[in-house]
Amino acid sequence: MNNKQTIQKIVAAFFAIMVAAHPMQAQFLKNIINNVKQTASARANDKAAQATNSAIDKA
């Protein structure tokens, strides 16, 4: 096997690995975004609950 064939096989294997890994990377990023959204939502809910409790305490 000459160098050109070896390089072609390496490049083909690299692209196959990248295609297979792409969905995993997308899922990983989706999970990170969902975690950030959940954290932001939880913080907003906590702030709203604190404001409500504070208003009730003052009444």
C-alpha atoms as a PDB file:
ATOM      1  CA  MET A   1       0.000   0.000   0.000  1.00  0.00           C
ATOM      2  CA  ASN A   2       1.427   3.369  -0.941  1.00  0.00           C
ATOM      3  CA  ASN A   3       1.284   6.605   1.037  1.00  0.00           C
ATOM      4  CA  LYS A   4      -1.648   7.997  -0.943  1.00  0.00           C
ATOM      5  CA  GLN A   5      -3.813   4.971  -0.138  1.00  0.00           C
ATOM      6  CA  THR A   6      -2.792   5.108   3.518  1.00  0.00           C
ATOM      7  CA  ILE A   7      -3.684   8.783   3.754  1.00  0.00           C
ATOM      8  CA  GLN A   8      -7.016   8.144   2.018  1.00  0.00           C
ATOM      9  CA  LYS A   9      -7.866   5.399   4.511  1.00  0.00           C
ATOM     10  CA  ILE A  10      -6.896   7.595   7.462  1.00  0.00           C
ATOM     11  CA  VAL A  11      -9.006  10.483   6.132  1.00  0.00           C
ATOM     12  CA  ALA A  12     -11.971   8.164   5.493  1.00  0.00           C
ATOM     13  CA  ALA A  13     -11.717   6.747   9.018  1.00  0.00           C
ATOM     14  CA  PHE A  14     -11.474  10.258  10.472  1.00  0.00           C
ATOM     15  CA  PHE A  15     -14.624  11.379   8.644  1.00  0.00           C
ATOM     16  CA  ALA A  16     -16.474   8.230   9.718  1.00  0.00           C
ATOM     17  CA  ILE A  17     -15.558   8.912  13.346  1.00  0.00           C
ATOM     18  CA  MET A  18     -16.622  12.563  13.059  1.00  0.00           C
ATOM     19  CA  VAL A  19     -19.978  11.612  11.524  1.00  0.00           C
ATOM     20  CA  ALA A  20     -20.581   9.074  14.289  1.00  0.00           C
ATOM     21  CA  ALA A  21     -19.532  11.515  17.022  1.00  0.00           C
ATOM     22  CA  HIS A  22     -21.650  14.443  15.784  1.00  0.00           C
ATOM     23  CA  PRO A  23     -24.965  13.276  17.323  1.00  0.00           C
ATOM     24  CA  MET A  24     -23.231  12.706  20.676  1.00  0.00           C
ATOM     25  CA  GLN A  25     -21.776  16.218  20.609  1.00  0.00           C
ATOM     26  CA  ALA A  26     -25.171  17.680  19.710  1.00  0.00           C
ATOM     27  CA  GLN A  27     -26.846  15.769  22.546  1.00  0.00           C
ATOM     28  CA  PHE A  28     -24.162  16.933  24.979  1.00  0.00           C
ATOM     29  CA  LEU A  29     -24.688  20.580  24.007  1.00  0.00           C
ATOM     30  CA  LYS A  30     -28.467  20.140  24.183  1.00  0.00           C
ATOM     31  CA  ASN A  31     -28.129  18.774  27.720  1.00  0.00           C
ATOM     32  CA  ILE A  32     -25.968  21.733  28.751  1.00  0.00           C
ATOM     33  CA  ILE A  33     -28.470  24.220  27.329  1.00  0.00           C
ATOM     34  CA  ASN A  34     -31.367  22.456  29.063  1.00  0.00           C
ATOM     35  CA  ASN A  35     -29.493  22.493  32.380  1.00  0.00           C
ATOM     36  CA  VAL A  36     -28.830  26.221  32.039  1.00  0.00           C
ATOM     37  CA  LYS A  37     -32.495  26.858  31.229  1.00  0.00           C
ATOM     38  CA  GLN A  38     -33.624  24.802  34.220  1.00  0.00           C
ATOM     39  CA  THR A  39     -31.214  26.621  36.524  1.00  0.00           C
ATOM     40  CA  ALA A  40     -32.402  30.025  35.293  1.00  0.00           C
ATOM     41  CA  SER A  41     -36.023  28.978  35.714  1.00  0.00           C
ATOM     42  CA  ALA A  42     -35.402  27.663  39.227  1.00  0.00           C
ATOM     43  CA  ARG A  43     -33.664  30.892  40.233  1.00  0.00           C
ATOM     44  CA  ALA A  44     -36.538  32.967  38.843  1.00  0.00           C
ATOM     45  CA  ASN A  45     -39.037  30.816  40.742  1.00  0.00           C
ATOM     46  CA  ASP A  46     -37.007  31.180  43.954  1.00  0.00           C
ATOM     47  CA  LYS A  47     -36.904  34.970  43.568  1.00  0.00           C
ATOM     48  CA  ALA A  48     -40.665  35.068  42.951  1.00  0.00           C
ATOM     49  CA  ALA A  49     -41.315  32.888  46.000  1.00  0.00           C
ATOM     50  CA  GLN A  50     -39.080  35.096  48.150  1.00  0.00           C
ATOM     51  CA  ALA A  51     -40.896  38.221  46.961  1.00  0.00           C
ATOM     52  CA  THR A  52     -44.271  36.629  47.664  1.00  0.00           C
ATOM     53  CA  ASN A  53     -43.204  35.472  51.121  1.00  0.00           C
ATOM     54  CA  SER A  54     -41.800  38.904  51.895  1.00  0.00           C
ATOM     55  CA  ALA A  55     -45.050  40.572  50.823  1.00  0.00           C
ATOM     56  CA  ILE A  56     -47.097  38.149  52.939  1.00  0.00           C
ATOM     57  CA  ASP A  57     -44.838  38.738  55.950  1.00  0.00           C
ATOM     58  CA  LYS A  58     -45.331  42.499  55.660  1.00  0.00           C
ATOM     59  CA  ALA A  59     -49.128  42.189  55.489  1.00  0.00           C
END
